[in-house]
């Protein structure tokens, strides 16, 4: 039974006796050895499967704390902009806390699995005629009015909660990995991972910190281009963001760790996504596979030293985007309900 991150890491989080002990049992997600990926790259690779969180994504790690602190400060409602996972997480924790949740989503750019979650948890969902970056601007303005607590990753408590992912990896491995690959969208996750590793190093729990290797989609790669992308486009909707809120934190994590932030094509993301499901048995959402696509690209380019210990964060569960999964899978084979017909179909495989 997971007691939640406040119970596990409360001594390392900015909580007080007045902070509500809000939890859905987030955290304690599996760190899964990836034998096929290890054999392919010549490294020791692990997958941190964040789809095992209560709402199916890493967002729960920061959301429990953001909502708890909002309650502590007297908020009766929260608001967020979202490409999907944030809305699902915010709505779930708001429901648990008994407060209202308002969500602004970009028009036509949210996977249905995530939208269904937010709606089922009772959030008021507003679909704006604009992209995520415009939605976040509007949310900031709503928050400035002082009536709604903003729970996007511009909220520092989100980053504080998400840093626990690094603590769990260190617990499991007994050290930090050599390299840590992950997708980058709004850039809060790479910022939080690095913060966690730095705190662990300062406490003497690890001797060295990993190189942070973040990957964006080519059509939504402002950190790689060095300028915001006005109309970001990628099949990986969770990272379809043109002006990351945690831009500075991501660059700092990259530079301080001597890491890298790169871009991968949609084709490479989909290839890695399918490969993980079929070779490792791990079904993640497409954006989750961006980091793995980056790992495979570096290996193919000869820029991945053999024998490295590597962690790849898979940020969300594959059922977050069932429509895309069905479109890219082999269709069901229709046969008569007879053994002979089934035999013929199986013989053709």
C-alpha atoms as a PDB file:
ATOM      1  CA  UNK A   1       0.000   0.000   0.000  1.00  0.00           C
ATOM      2  CA  UNK A   2       1.362   3.405  -0.991  1.00  0.00           C
ATOM      3  CA  UNK A   3       1.025   5.947   1.803  1.00  0.00           C
ATOM      4  CA  UNK A   4       1.605   8.831  -0.575  1.00  0.00           C
ATOM      5  CA  UNK A   5       4.500  11.194  -0.979  1.00  0.00           C
ATOM      6  CA  UNK A   6       3.714  13.407   1.990  1.00  0.00           C
ATOM      7  CA  UNK A   7       4.054  10.421   4.299  1.00  0.00           C
ATOM      8  CA  UNK A   8       7.223   9.149   2.598  1.00  0.00           C
ATOM      9  CA  UNK A   9       9.077  12.401   2.013  1.00  0.00           C
ATOM     10  CA  UNK A  10       7.335  14.953   4.214  1.00  0.00           C
ATOM     11  CA  UNK A  11      10.639  15.819   5.891  1.00  0.00           C
ATOM     12  CA  UNK A  12      11.935  16.961   2.499  1.00  0.00           C
ATOM     13  CA  UNK A  13       8.865  18.917   1.440  1.00  0.00           C
ATOM     14  CA  UNK A  14       7.720  22.452   2.379  1.00  0.00           C
ATOM     15  CA  UNK A  15       4.838  21.368   4.606  1.00  0.00           C
ATOM     16  CA  UNK A  16       3.690  22.503   8.038  1.00  0.00           C
ATOM     17  CA  UNK A  17       1.362  21.106  10.673  1.00  0.00           C
ATOM     18  CA  UNK A  18      -1.368  23.156   8.996  1.00  0.00           C
ATOM     19  CA  UNK A  19      -0.870  21.517   5.580  1.00  0.00           C
ATOM     20  CA  UNK A  20      -3.742  19.071   4.880  1.00  0.00           C
ATOM     21  CA  UNK A  21      -2.464  15.502   4.481  1.00  0.00           C
ATOM     22  CA  UNK A  22      -3.949  15.177   1.009  1.00  0.00           C
ATOM     23  CA  UNK A  23      -3.118  12.002  -0.896  1.00  0.00           C
ATOM     24  CA  UNK A  24      -4.408   9.513  -3.428  1.00  0.00           C
ATOM     25  CA  UNK A  25      -1.436   7.199  -2.816  1.00  0.00           C
ATOM     26  CA  UNK A  26       0.792   8.885  -5.395  1.00  0.00           C
ATOM     27  CA  UNK A  27       4.433   7.951  -5.903  1.00  0.00           C
ATOM     28  CA  UNK A  28       6.220   4.640  -5.252  1.00  0.00           C
ATOM     29  CA  UNK A  29       6.047   3.890  -8.976  1.00  0.00           C
ATOM     30  CA  UNK A  30       8.066   0.968 -10.342  1.00  0.00           C
ATOM     31  CA  UNK A  31      11.588   1.295 -11.694  1.00  0.00           C
ATOM     32  CA  UNK A  32      11.507  -1.480 -14.276  1.00  0.00           C
ATOM     33  CA  UNK A  33      14.650  -3.020 -15.801  1.00  0.00           C
ATOM     34  CA  UNK A  34      14.513  -2.788 -19.600  1.00  0.00           C
ATOM     35  CA  UNK A  35      16.392  -5.855 -20.917  1.00  0.00           C
ATOM     36  CA  UNK A  36      15.556  -5.321 -24.592  1.00  0.00           C
ATOM     37  CA  UNK A  37      16.556  -1.668 -24.483  1.00  0.00           C
ATOM     38  CA  UNK A  38      19.702  -2.578 -22.542  1.00  0.00           C
ATOM     39  CA  UNK A  39      20.702  -5.193 -25.127  1.00  0.00           C
ATOM     40  CA  UNK A  40      20.049  -2.771 -27.992  1.00  0.00           C
ATOM     41  CA  UNK A  41      22.123   0.059 -26.504  1.00  0.00           C
ATOM     42  CA  UNK A  42      24.803  -1.816 -24.595  1.00  0.00           C
ATOM     43  CA  UNK A  43      23.826   0.023 -21.420  1.00  0.00           C
ATOM     44  CA  UNK A  44      21.964  -0.831 -18.220  1.00  0.00           C
ATOM     45  CA  UNK A  45      18.586   0.812 -18.796  1.00  0.00           C
ATOM     46  CA  UNK A  46      15.656   1.234 -16.404  1.00  0.00           C
ATOM     47  CA  UNK A  47      12.176   2.649 -17.014  1.00  0.00           C
ATOM     48  CA  UNK A  48      10.535   4.777 -14.319  1.00  0.00           C
ATOM     49  CA  UNK A  49       6.880   4.009 -15.027  1.00  0.00           C
ATOM     50  CA  UNK A  50       4.977   7.089 -13.895  1.00  0.00           C
ATOM     51  CA  UNK A  51       1.784   5.829 -15.505  1.00  0.00           C
ATOM     52  CA  UNK A  52       1.357   3.837 -12.277  1.00  0.00           C
ATOM     53  CA  UNK A  53       0.362   7.020 -10.401  1.00  0.00           C
ATOM     54  CA  UNK A  54      -3.321   7.381  -9.380  1.00  0.00           C
ATOM     55  CA  UNK A  55      -4.421   9.394 -12.425  1.00  0.00           C
ATOM     56  CA  UNK A  56      -1.948   7.710 -14.747  1.00  0.00           C
ATOM     57  CA  UNK A  57       0.807  10.324 -14.996  1.00  0.00           C
ATOM     58  CA  UNK A  58       3.693  11.970 -13.163  1.00  0.00           C
ATOM     59  CA  UNK A  59       1.556  15.081 -12.604  1.00  0.00           C
ATOM     60  CA  UNK A  60       0.207  13.550  -9.387  1.00  0.00           C
ATOM     61  CA  UNK A  61       3.644  13.941  -7.778  1.00  0.00           C
ATOM     62  CA  UNK A  62       3.341  17.703  -7.753  1.00  0.00           C
ATOM     63  CA  UNK A  63      -0.414  18.105  -7.736  1.00  0.00           C
ATOM     64  CA  UNK A  64      -1.028  16.618  -4.290  1.00  0.00           C
ATOM     65  CA  UNK A  65       1.241  19.265  -2.785  1.00  0.00           C
ATOM     66  CA  UNK A  66       0.000  22.178  -4.908  1.00  0.00           C
ATOM     67  CA  UNK A  67      -3.607  21.468  -3.948  1.00  0.00           C
ATOM     68  CA  UNK A  68      -2.762  20.818  -0.283  1.00  0.00           C
ATOM     69  CA  UNK A  69      -0.930  24.139  -0.031  1.00  0.00           C
ATOM     70  CA  UNK A  70      -3.793  25.899  -1.799  1.00  0.00           C
ATOM     71  CA  UNK A  71      -6.138  24.503   0.849  1.00  0.00           C
ATOM     72  CA  UNK A  72      -3.760  25.601   3.597  1.00  0.00           C
ATOM     73  CA  UNK A  73      -3.865  29.121   2.197  1.00  0.00           C
ATOM     74  CA  UNK A  74      -7.673  29.131   2.145  1.00  0.00           C
ATOM     75  CA  UNK A  75      -8.387  28.544  -1.550  1.00  0.00           C
ATOM     76  CA  UNK A  76     -11.805  27.172  -2.423  1.00  0.00           C
ATOM     77  CA  UNK A  77     -11.073  26.560  -6.105  1.00  0.00           C
ATOM     78  CA  UNK A  78      -8.110  25.798  -8.358  1.00  0.00           C
ATOM     79  CA  UNK A  79      -7.441  26.508 -12.025  1.00  0.00           C
ATOM     80  CA  UNK A  80      -4.989  25.195 -14.612  1.00  0.00           C
ATOM     81  CA  UNK A  81      -4.157  25.227 -18.295  1.00  0.00           C
ATOM     82  CA  UNK A  82      -3.554  21.776 -19.653  1.00  0.00           C
ATOM     83  CA  UNK A  83      -2.752  19.579 -22.623  1.00  0.00           C
ATOM     84  CA  UNK A  84      -4.482  16.805 -20.671  1.00  0.00           C
ATOM     85  CA  UNK A  85      -2.540  15.189 -17.827  1.00  0.00           C
ATOM     86  CA  UNK A  86      -2.502  18.268 -15.597  1.00  0.00           C
ATOM     87  CA  UNK A  87      -6.272  18.639 -15.943  1.00  0.00           C
ATOM     88  CA  UNK A  88      -6.868  15.010 -14.994  1.00  0.00           C
ATOM     89  CA  UNK A  89      -4.622  15.258 -11.951  1.00  0.00           C
ATOM     90  CA  UNK A  90      -5.929  18.647 -10.803  1.00  0.00           C
ATOM     91  CA  UNK A  91      -9.522  17.498 -11.122  1.00  0.00           C
ATOM     92  CA  UNK A  92      -8.874  14.318  -9.138  1.00  0.00           C
ATOM     93  CA  UNK A  93      -7.139  16.071  -6.236  1.00  0.00           C
ATOM     94  CA  UNK A  94      -9.725  18.851  -6.214  1.00  0.00           C
ATOM     95  CA  UNK A  95     -12.446  16.217  -5.959  1.00  0.00           C
ATOM     96  CA  UNK A  96     -10.574  14.562  -3.100  1.00  0.00           C
ATOM     97  CA  UNK A  97     -10.212  17.920  -1.360  1.00  0.00           C
ATOM     98  CA  UNK A  98     -13.825  18.923  -1.942  1.00  0.00           C
ATOM     99  CA  UNK A  99     -13.073  22.106  -3.905  1.00  0.00           C
ATOM    100  CA  UNK A 100     -13.901  23.292  -7.418  1.00  0.00           C
ATOM    101  CA  UNK A 101     -11.553  22.827 -10.370  1.00  0.00           C
ATOM    102  CA  UNK A 102     -11.508  24.894 -13.559  1.00  0.00           C
ATOM    103  CA  UNK A 103      -9.525  23.780 -16.596  1.00  0.00           C
ATOM    104  CA  UNK A 104      -8.581  25.614 -19.787  1.00  0.00           C
ATOM    105  CA  UNK A 105      -7.587  23.297 -22.626  1.00  0.00           C
ATOM    106  CA  UNK A 106      -6.459  24.089 -26.177  1.00  0.00           C
ATOM    107  CA  UNK A 107      -8.945  23.504 -28.959  1.00  0.00           C
ATOM    108  CA  UNK A 108      -8.597  20.060 -30.526  1.00  0.00           C
ATOM    109  CA  UNK A 109      -5.260  19.189 -28.918  1.00  0.00           C
ATOM    110  CA  UNK A 110      -6.140  17.041 -25.888  1.00  0.00           C
ATOM    111  CA  UNK A 111      -6.269  13.249 -25.911  1.00  0.00           C
ATOM    112  CA  UNK A 112      -9.753  11.978 -25.119  1.00  0.00           C
ATOM    113  CA  UNK A 113      -8.592   9.674 -22.313  1.00  0.00           C
ATOM    114  CA  UNK A 114      -7.301  12.676 -20.362  1.00  0.00           C
ATOM    115  CA  UNK A 115     -10.289  14.872 -21.103  1.00  0.00           C
ATOM    116  CA  UNK A 116     -12.637  12.112 -19.936  1.00  0.00           C
ATOM    117  CA  UNK A 117     -10.788  11.926 -16.622  1.00  0.00           C
ATOM    118  CA  UNK A 118     -11.107  15.644 -15.905  1.00  0.00           C
ATOM    119  CA  UNK A 119     -14.794  15.641 -16.778  1.00  0.00           C
ATOM    120  CA  UNK A 120     -15.564  12.543 -14.740  1.00  0.00           C
ATOM    121  CA  UNK A 121     -13.878  14.088 -11.683  1.00  0.00           C
ATOM    122  CA  UNK A 122     -16.260  17.024 -11.980  1.00  0.00           C
ATOM    123  CA  UNK A 123     -13.999  19.744 -13.356  1.00  0.00           C
ATOM    124  CA  UNK A 124     -15.431  22.630 -15.349  1.00  0.00           C
ATOM    125  CA  UNK A 125     -13.594  22.346 -18.668  1.00  0.00           C
ATOM    126  CA  UNK A 126     -13.288  25.341 -21.000  1.00  0.00           C
ATOM    127  CA  UNK A 127     -11.927  24.611 -24.468  1.00  0.00           C
ATOM    128  CA  UNK A 128     -10.397  27.820 -25.799  1.00  0.00           C
ATOM    129  CA  UNK A 129      -9.815  28.864 -29.395  1.00  0.00           C
ATOM    130  CA  UNK A 130      -6.052  28.864 -28.969  1.00  0.00           C
ATOM    131  CA  UNK A 131      -3.084  26.695 -27.978  1.00  0.00           C
ATOM    132  CA  UNK A 132      -1.716  25.708 -24.575  1.00  0.00           C
ATOM    133  CA  UNK A 133       0.536  28.730 -24.318  1.00  0.00           C
ATOM    134  CA  UNK A 134      -2.453  31.069 -24.724  1.00  0.00           C
ATOM    135  CA  UNK A 135      -4.381  29.045 -22.146  1.00  0.00           C
ATOM    136  CA  UNK A 136      -1.542  29.459 -19.648  1.00  0.00           C
ATOM    137  CA  UNK A 137      -1.463  33.229 -20.202  1.00  0.00           C
ATOM    138  CA  UNK A 138      -5.182  33.374 -19.383  1.00  0.00           C
ATOM    139  CA  UNK A 139      -4.733  31.167 -16.316  1.00  0.00           C
ATOM    140  CA  UNK A 140      -1.975  33.431 -15.012  1.00  0.00           C
ATOM    141  CA  UNK A 141      -4.349  36.388 -15.384  1.00  0.00           C
ATOM    142  CA  UNK A 142      -7.101  34.521 -13.534  1.00  0.00           C
ATOM    143  CA  UNK A 143      -4.677  33.671 -10.742  1.00  0.00           C
ATOM    144  CA  UNK A 144      -3.586  37.297 -10.448  1.00  0.00           C
ATOM    145  CA  UNK A 145      -7.137  38.234  -9.513  1.00  0.00           C
ATOM    146  CA  UNK A 146      -6.621  36.282  -6.279  1.00  0.00           C
ATOM    147  CA  UNK A 147      -9.756  34.127  -6.343  1.00  0.00           C
ATOM    148  CA  UNK A 148      -8.334  30.972  -7.918  1.00  0.00           C
ATOM    149  CA  UNK A 149      -5.162  29.084  -7.002  1.00  0.00           C
ATOM    150  CA  UNK A 150      -3.109  28.262 -10.108  1.00  0.00           C
ATOM    151  CA  UNK A 151      -1.773  24.694 -10.035  1.00  0.00           C
ATOM    152  CA  UNK A 152       0.290  24.619 -13.223  1.00  0.00           C
ATOM    153  CA  UNK A 153       4.025  24.055 -12.833  1.00  0.00           C
ATOM    154  CA  UNK A 154       4.518  27.811 -12.411  1.00  0.00           C
ATOM    155  CA  UNK A 155       3.320  26.930  -8.905  1.00  0.00           C
ATOM    156  CA  UNK A 156       6.577  26.147  -7.029  1.00  0.00           C
ATOM    157  CA  UNK A 157       4.903  23.429  -4.969  1.00  0.00           C
ATOM    158  CA  UNK A 158       4.437  21.395  -8.130  1.00  0.00           C
ATOM    159  CA  UNK A 159       8.201  21.329  -8.641  1.00  0.00           C
ATOM    160  CA  UNK A 160       8.754  20.481  -4.965  1.00  0.00           C
ATOM    161  CA  UNK A 161       6.485  17.451  -5.232  1.00  0.00           C
ATOM    162  CA  UNK A 162       7.908  16.265  -8.527  1.00  0.00           C
ATOM    163  CA  UNK A 163      11.479  16.243  -7.206  1.00  0.00           C
ATOM    164  CA  UNK A 164      10.550  13.096  -5.228  1.00  0.00           C
ATOM    165  CA  UNK A 165      10.977  11.095  -8.417  1.00  0.00           C
ATOM    166  CA  UNK A 166      14.739  11.539  -8.091  1.00  0.00           C
ATOM    167  CA  UNK A 167      14.604  10.395  -4.448  1.00  0.00           C
ATOM    168  CA  UNK A 168      12.798   7.190  -5.431  1.00  0.00           C
ATOM    169  CA  UNK A 169      15.303   6.402  -8.160  1.00  0.00           C
ATOM    170  CA  UNK A 170      18.211   6.865  -5.755  1.00  0.00           C
ATOM    171  CA  UNK A 171      16.483   4.605  -3.212  1.00  0.00           C
ATOM    172  CA  UNK A 172      15.998   1.885  -5.835  1.00  0.00           C
ATOM    173  CA  UNK A 173      19.473   2.028  -7.390  1.00  0.00           C
ATOM    174  CA  UNK A 174      21.481   3.049  -4.342  1.00  0.00           C
ATOM    175  CA  UNK A 175      22.952   5.858  -6.452  1.00  0.00           C
ATOM    176  CA  UNK A 176      22.016   8.239  -9.224  1.00  0.00           C
ATOM    177  CA  UNK A 177      22.136   6.957 -12.815  1.00  0.00           C
ATOM    178  CA  UNK A 178      24.822   8.173 -15.194  1.00  0.00           C
ATOM    179  CA  UNK A 179      22.236   9.565 -17.595  1.00  0.00           C
ATOM    180  CA  UNK A 180      18.571  10.418 -17.128  1.00  0.00           C
ATOM    181  CA  UNK A 181      16.424  10.693 -20.272  1.00  0.00           C
ATOM    182  CA  UNK A 182      12.959  12.243 -20.251  1.00  0.00           C
ATOM    183  CA  UNK A 183      10.491  14.146 -22.440  1.00  0.00           C
ATOM    184  CA  UNK A 184      10.314  17.928 -22.170  1.00  0.00           C
ATOM    185  CA  UNK A 185       7.136  19.911 -22.695  1.00  0.00           C
ATOM    186  CA  UNK A 186       6.463  22.649 -20.166  1.00  0.00           C
ATOM    187  CA  UNK A 187       9.870  21.725 -18.665  1.00  0.00           C
ATOM    188  CA  UNK A 188       8.737  21.395 -15.044  1.00  0.00           C
ATOM    189  CA  UNK A 189       9.742  17.747 -14.903  1.00  0.00           C
ATOM    190  CA  UNK A 190      13.386  18.137 -15.930  1.00  0.00           C
ATOM    191  CA  UNK A 191      13.605  21.106 -13.561  1.00  0.00           C
ATOM    192  CA  UNK A 192      12.177  19.049 -10.688  1.00  0.00           C
ATOM    193  CA  UNK A 193      14.291  15.945 -11.402  1.00  0.00           C
ATOM    194  CA  UNK A 194      17.441  18.039 -11.262  1.00  0.00           C
ATOM    195  CA  UNK A 195      16.341  19.756  -8.050  1.00  0.00           C
ATOM    196  CA  UNK A 196      15.842  16.365  -6.423  1.00  0.00           C
ATOM    197  CA  UNK A 197      19.251  15.088  -7.496  1.00  0.00           C
ATOM    198  CA  UNK A 198      20.921  18.287  -6.279  1.00  0.00           C
ATOM    199  CA  UNK A 199      19.246  18.033  -2.868  1.00  0.00           C
ATOM    200  CA  UNK A 200      20.292  14.394  -2.577  1.00  0.00           C
ATOM    201  CA  UNK A 201      23.878  15.331  -3.425  1.00  0.00           C
ATOM    202  CA  UNK A 202      23.867  18.149  -0.874  1.00  0.00           C
ATOM    203  CA  UNK A 203      22.655  15.677   1.762  1.00  0.00           C
ATOM    204  CA  UNK A 204      25.514  13.318   0.921  1.00  0.00           C
ATOM    205  CA  UNK A 205      23.184  10.605  -0.408  1.00  0.00           C
ATOM    206  CA  UNK A 206      24.862  10.415  -3.819  1.00  0.00           C
ATOM    207  CA  UNK A 207      28.419  11.060  -4.916  1.00  0.00           C
ATOM    208  CA  UNK A 208      27.593  12.308  -8.391  1.00  0.00           C
ATOM    209  CA  UNK A 209      24.559  13.637 -10.191  1.00  0.00           C
ATOM    210  CA  UNK A 210      23.342  12.378 -13.575  1.00  0.00           C
ATOM    211  CA  UNK A 211      23.535  14.175 -16.881  1.00  0.00           C
ATOM    212  CA  UNK A 212      19.998  15.331 -17.688  1.00  0.00           C
ATOM    213  CA  UNK A 213      18.971  14.418 -21.244  1.00  0.00           C
ATOM    214  CA  UNK A 214      15.705  16.090 -22.230  1.00  0.00           C
ATOM    215  CA  UNK A 215      13.915  15.644 -25.555  1.00  0.00           C
ATOM    216  CA  UNK A 216      11.236  17.716 -27.235  1.00  0.00           C
ATOM    217  CA  UNK A 217       9.266  16.943 -30.383  1.00  0.00           C
ATOM    218  CA  UNK A 218      10.728  18.625 -33.472  1.00  0.00           C
ATOM    219  CA  UNK A 219       7.514  20.548 -34.105  1.00  0.00           C
ATOM    220  CA  UNK A 220       7.404  21.812 -30.519  1.00  0.00           C
ATOM    221  CA  UNK A 221      11.048  22.426 -29.662  1.00  0.00           C
ATOM    222  CA  UNK A 222      11.469  25.979 -28.381  1.00  0.00           C
ATOM    223  CA  UNK A 223      14.338  25.071 -26.053  1.00  0.00           C
ATOM    224  CA  UNK A 224      16.269  23.598 -28.971  1.00  0.00           C
ATOM    225  CA  UNK A 225      15.519  26.518 -31.288  1.00  0.00           C
ATOM    226  CA  UNK A 226      16.200  29.065 -28.583  1.00  0.00           C
ATOM    227  CA  UNK A 227      12.930  30.902 -29.119  1.00  0.00           C
ATOM    228  CA  UNK A 228       9.205  30.267 -28.498  1.00  0.00           C
ATOM    229  CA  UNK A 229       7.303  28.335 -31.155  1.00  0.00           C
ATOM    230  CA  UNK A 230       4.108  30.171 -32.030  1.00  0.00           C
ATOM    231  CA  UNK A 231       2.179  27.201 -33.401  1.00  0.00           C
ATOM    232  CA  UNK A 232       3.690  24.017 -31.939  1.00  0.00           C
ATOM    233  CA  UNK A 233       2.712  20.775 -33.653  1.00  0.00           C
ATOM    234  CA  UNK A 234       3.355  17.159 -32.688  1.00  0.00           C
ATOM    235  CA  UNK A 235       1.443  13.917 -32.393  1.00  0.00           C
ATOM    236  CA  UNK A 236       2.690  13.821 -28.776  1.00  0.00           C
ATOM    237  CA  UNK A 237       0.008  16.167 -27.420  1.00  0.00           C
ATOM    238  CA  UNK A 238       1.385  16.177 -23.849  1.00  0.00           C
ATOM    239  CA  UNK A 239       4.486  18.062 -25.032  1.00  0.00           C
ATOM    240  CA  UNK A 240       2.798  20.258 -27.665  1.00  0.00           C
ATOM    241  CA  UNK A 241       3.997  23.428 -25.938  1.00  0.00           C
ATOM    242  CA  UNK A 242       5.705  26.369 -27.609  1.00  0.00           C
ATOM    243  CA  UNK A 243       6.784  28.483 -24.639  1.00  0.00           C
ATOM    244  CA  UNK A 244       7.628  26.357 -21.569  1.00  0.00           C
ATOM    245  CA  UNK A 245       6.823  27.860 -18.166  1.00  0.00           C
ATOM    246  CA  UNK A 246       9.962  26.312 -16.649  1.00  0.00           C
ATOM    247  CA  UNK A 247      12.264  27.371 -19.489  1.00  0.00           C
ATOM    248  CA  UNK A 248      14.988  28.759 -17.220  1.00  0.00           C
ATOM    249  CA  UNK A 249      14.908  25.726 -14.929  1.00  0.00           C
ATOM    250  CA  UNK A 250      15.347  23.348 -17.865  1.00  0.00           C
ATOM    251  CA  UNK A 251      18.316  25.259 -19.266  1.00  0.00           C
ATOM    252  CA  UNK A 252      19.895  25.396 -15.821  1.00  0.00           C
ATOM    253  CA  UNK A 253      19.436  21.630 -15.388  1.00  0.00           C
ATOM    254  CA  UNK A 254      20.958  20.989 -18.806  1.00  0.00           C
ATOM    255  CA  UNK A 255      23.958  23.228 -18.276  1.00  0.00           C
ATOM    256  CA  UNK A 256      24.699  22.364 -14.645  1.00  0.00           C
ATOM    257  CA  UNK A 257      24.521  18.628 -15.360  1.00  0.00           C
ATOM    258  CA  UNK A 258      26.523  18.902 -18.611  1.00  0.00           C
ATOM    259  CA  UNK A 259      23.496  17.342 -20.226  1.00  0.00           C
ATOM    260  CA  UNK A 260      21.564  17.938 -23.416  1.00  0.00           C
ATOM    261  CA  UNK A 261      18.168  19.061 -24.666  1.00  0.00           C
ATOM    262  CA  UNK A 262      17.429  17.851 -28.175  1.00  0.00           C
ATOM    263  CA  UNK A 263      14.547  17.232 -30.542  1.00  0.00           C
ATOM    264  CA  UNK A 264      13.192  14.051 -32.098  1.00  0.00           C
ATOM    265  CA  UNK A 265      10.723  13.595 -34.937  1.00  0.00           C
ATOM    266  CA  UNK A 266       7.174  12.393 -34.511  1.00  0.00           C
ATOM    267  CA  UNK A 267       8.153   9.291 -36.468  1.00  0.00           C
ATOM    268  CA  UNK A 268      10.946   8.552 -33.973  1.00  0.00           C
ATOM    269  CA  UNK A 269       8.597   9.108 -31.031  1.00  0.00           C
ATOM    270  CA  UNK A 270       5.989   6.730 -32.466  1.00  0.00           C
ATOM    271  CA  UNK A 271       8.637   4.135 -33.287  1.00  0.00           C
ATOM    272  CA  UNK A 272      10.010   4.215 -29.729  1.00  0.00           C
ATOM    273  CA  UNK A 273       6.469   4.172 -28.302  1.00  0.00           C
ATOM    274  CA  UNK A 274       5.541   1.044 -30.265  1.00  0.00           C
ATOM    275  CA  UNK A 275       8.902  -0.600 -29.564  1.00  0.00           C
ATOM    276  CA  UNK A 276       8.505  -0.172 -25.801  1.00  0.00           C
ATOM    277  CA  UNK A 277       5.079  -1.787 -25.888  1.00  0.00           C
ATOM    278  CA  UNK A 278       6.136  -4.706 -28.081  1.00  0.00           C
ATOM    279  CA  UNK A 279       9.650  -5.370 -26.774  1.00  0.00           C
ATOM    280  CA  UNK A 280       9.483  -4.285 -23.118  1.00  0.00           C
ATOM    281  CA  UNK A 281       5.782  -4.829 -22.420  1.00  0.00           C
ATOM    282  CA  UNK A 282       5.421  -1.242 -21.193  1.00  0.00           C
ATOM    283  CA  UNK A 283       2.552   0.794 -22.669  1.00  0.00           C
ATOM    284  CA  UNK A 284       3.106   4.517 -22.234  1.00  0.00           C
ATOM    285  CA  UNK A 285       1.550   7.551 -23.859  1.00  0.00           C
ATOM    286  CA  UNK A 286       3.347   8.813 -26.986  1.00  0.00           C
ATOM    287  CA  UNK A 287       4.973  11.846 -25.328  1.00  0.00           C
ATOM    288  CA  UNK A 288       6.536   9.526 -22.731  1.00  0.00           C
ATOM    289  CA  UNK A 289       8.545   7.870 -25.479  1.00  0.00           C
ATOM    290  CA  UNK A 290      10.312  11.087 -26.519  1.00  0.00           C
ATOM    291  CA  UNK A 291      13.123  10.458 -24.035  1.00  0.00           C
ATOM    292  CA  UNK A 292      13.537   6.876 -25.245  1.00  0.00           C
ATOM    293  CA  UNK A 293      13.564   8.134 -28.843  1.00  0.00           C
ATOM    294  CA  UNK A 294      16.371  10.472 -27.822  1.00  0.00           C
ATOM    295  CA  UNK A 295      18.268   7.605 -26.211  1.00  0.00           C
ATOM    296  CA  UNK A 296      17.970   5.496 -29.362  1.00  0.00           C
ATOM    297  CA  UNK A 297      19.050   8.428 -31.530  1.00  0.00           C
ATOM    298  CA  UNK A 298      22.213   8.988 -29.475  1.00  0.00           C
ATOM    299  CA  UNK A 299      22.979   5.271 -29.666  1.00  0.00           C
ATOM    300  CA  UNK A 300      22.494   5.241 -33.443  1.00  0.00           C
ATOM    301  CA  UNK A 301      24.778   8.269 -33.767  1.00  0.00           C
ATOM    302  CA  UNK A 302      27.504   6.583 -31.701  1.00  0.00           C
ATOM    303  CA  UNK A 303      27.194   9.173 -28.920  1.00  0.00           C
ATOM    304  CA  UNK A 304      26.205   6.760 -26.133  1.00  0.00           C
ATOM    305  CA  UNK A 305      29.146   5.175 -24.285  1.00  0.00           C
ATOM    306  CA  UNK A 306      28.669   1.492 -23.516  1.00  0.00           C
ATOM    307  CA  UNK A 307      27.945   0.363 -19.976  1.00  0.00           C
ATOM    308  CA  UNK A 308      26.207   3.496 -18.785  1.00  0.00           C
ATOM    309  CA  UNK A 309      23.472   3.179 -16.165  1.00  0.00           C
ATOM    310  CA  UNK A 310      20.440   4.966 -17.588  1.00  0.00           C
ATOM    311  CA  UNK A 311      16.955   5.841 -16.357  1.00  0.00           C
ATOM    312  CA  UNK A 312      14.190   6.877 -18.745  1.00  0.00           C
ATOM    313  CA  UNK A 313      11.139   8.536 -17.214  1.00  0.00           C
ATOM    314  CA  UNK A 314       7.920   7.411 -18.885  1.00  0.00           C
ATOM    315  CA  UNK A 315       5.559  10.191 -17.892  1.00  0.00           C
ATOM    316  CA  UNK A 316       2.103   8.733 -18.532  1.00  0.00           C
ATOM    317  CA  UNK A 317       0.090   5.581 -19.221  1.00  0.00           C
ATOM    318  CA  UNK A 318      -0.714   4.500 -22.762  1.00  0.00           C
ATOM    319  CA  UNK A 319      -4.462   4.532 -22.123  1.00  0.00           C
ATOM    320  CA  UNK A 320      -4.236   8.316 -21.860  1.00  0.00           C
ATOM    321  CA  UNK A 321      -4.443   8.363 -25.669  1.00  0.00           C
ATOM    322  CA  UNK A 322      -6.400   5.257 -26.729  1.00  0.00           C
ATOM    323  CA  UNK A 323      -7.455   6.675 -30.098  1.00  0.00           C
ATOM    324  CA  UNK A 324      -3.867   7.085 -31.280  1.00  0.00           C
ATOM    325  CA  UNK A 325      -2.974   3.629 -30.004  1.00  0.00           C
ATOM    326  CA  UNK A 326      -5.812   2.021 -31.951  1.00  0.00           C
ATOM    327  CA  UNK A 327      -4.960   3.966 -35.116  1.00  0.00           C
ATOM    328  CA  UNK A 328      -1.369   2.726 -35.032  1.00  0.00           C
ATOM    329  CA  UNK A 329      -2.066  -0.883 -34.021  1.00  0.00           C
ATOM    330  CA  UNK A 330      -2.772  -3.820 -36.307  1.00  0.00           C
ATOM    331  CA  UNK A 331      -6.536  -4.205 -36.715  1.00  0.00           C
ATOM    332  CA  UNK A 332      -8.435  -7.145 -35.250  1.00  0.00           C
ATOM    333  CA  UNK A 333      -8.866 -10.046 -37.674  1.00  0.00           C
ATOM    334  CA  UNK A 334     -12.531 -10.860 -38.168  1.00  0.00           C
ATOM    335  CA  UNK A 335     -13.256 -14.599 -38.430  1.00  0.00           C
ATOM    336  CA  UNK A 336     -16.202 -16.929 -38.148  1.00  0.00           C
ATOM    337  CA  UNK A 337     -16.811 -18.481 -34.722  1.00  0.00           C
ATOM    338  CA  UNK A 338     -15.424 -21.849 -35.840  1.00  0.00           C
ATOM    339  CA  UNK A 339     -12.159 -23.625 -35.033  1.00  0.00           C
ATOM    340  CA  UNK A 340     -11.326 -24.131 -38.693  1.00  0.00           C
ATOM    341  CA  UNK A 341     -11.640 -20.444 -39.437  1.00  0.00           C
ATOM    342  CA  UNK A 342      -9.557 -19.572 -36.389  1.00  0.00           C
ATOM    343  CA  UNK A 343      -6.931 -22.105 -37.444  1.00  0.00           C
ATOM    344  CA  UNK A 344      -6.709 -20.623 -40.922  1.00  0.00           C
ATOM    345  CA  UNK A 345      -6.311 -17.119 -39.440  1.00  0.00           C
ATOM    346  CA  UNK A 346      -3.613 -18.256 -37.014  1.00  0.00           C
ATOM    347  CA  UNK A 347      -1.834 -20.133 -39.793  1.00  0.00           C
ATOM    348  CA  UNK A 348      -1.539 -16.932 -41.734  1.00  0.00           C
ATOM    349  CA  UNK A 349       0.349 -15.163 -38.944  1.00  0.00           C
END
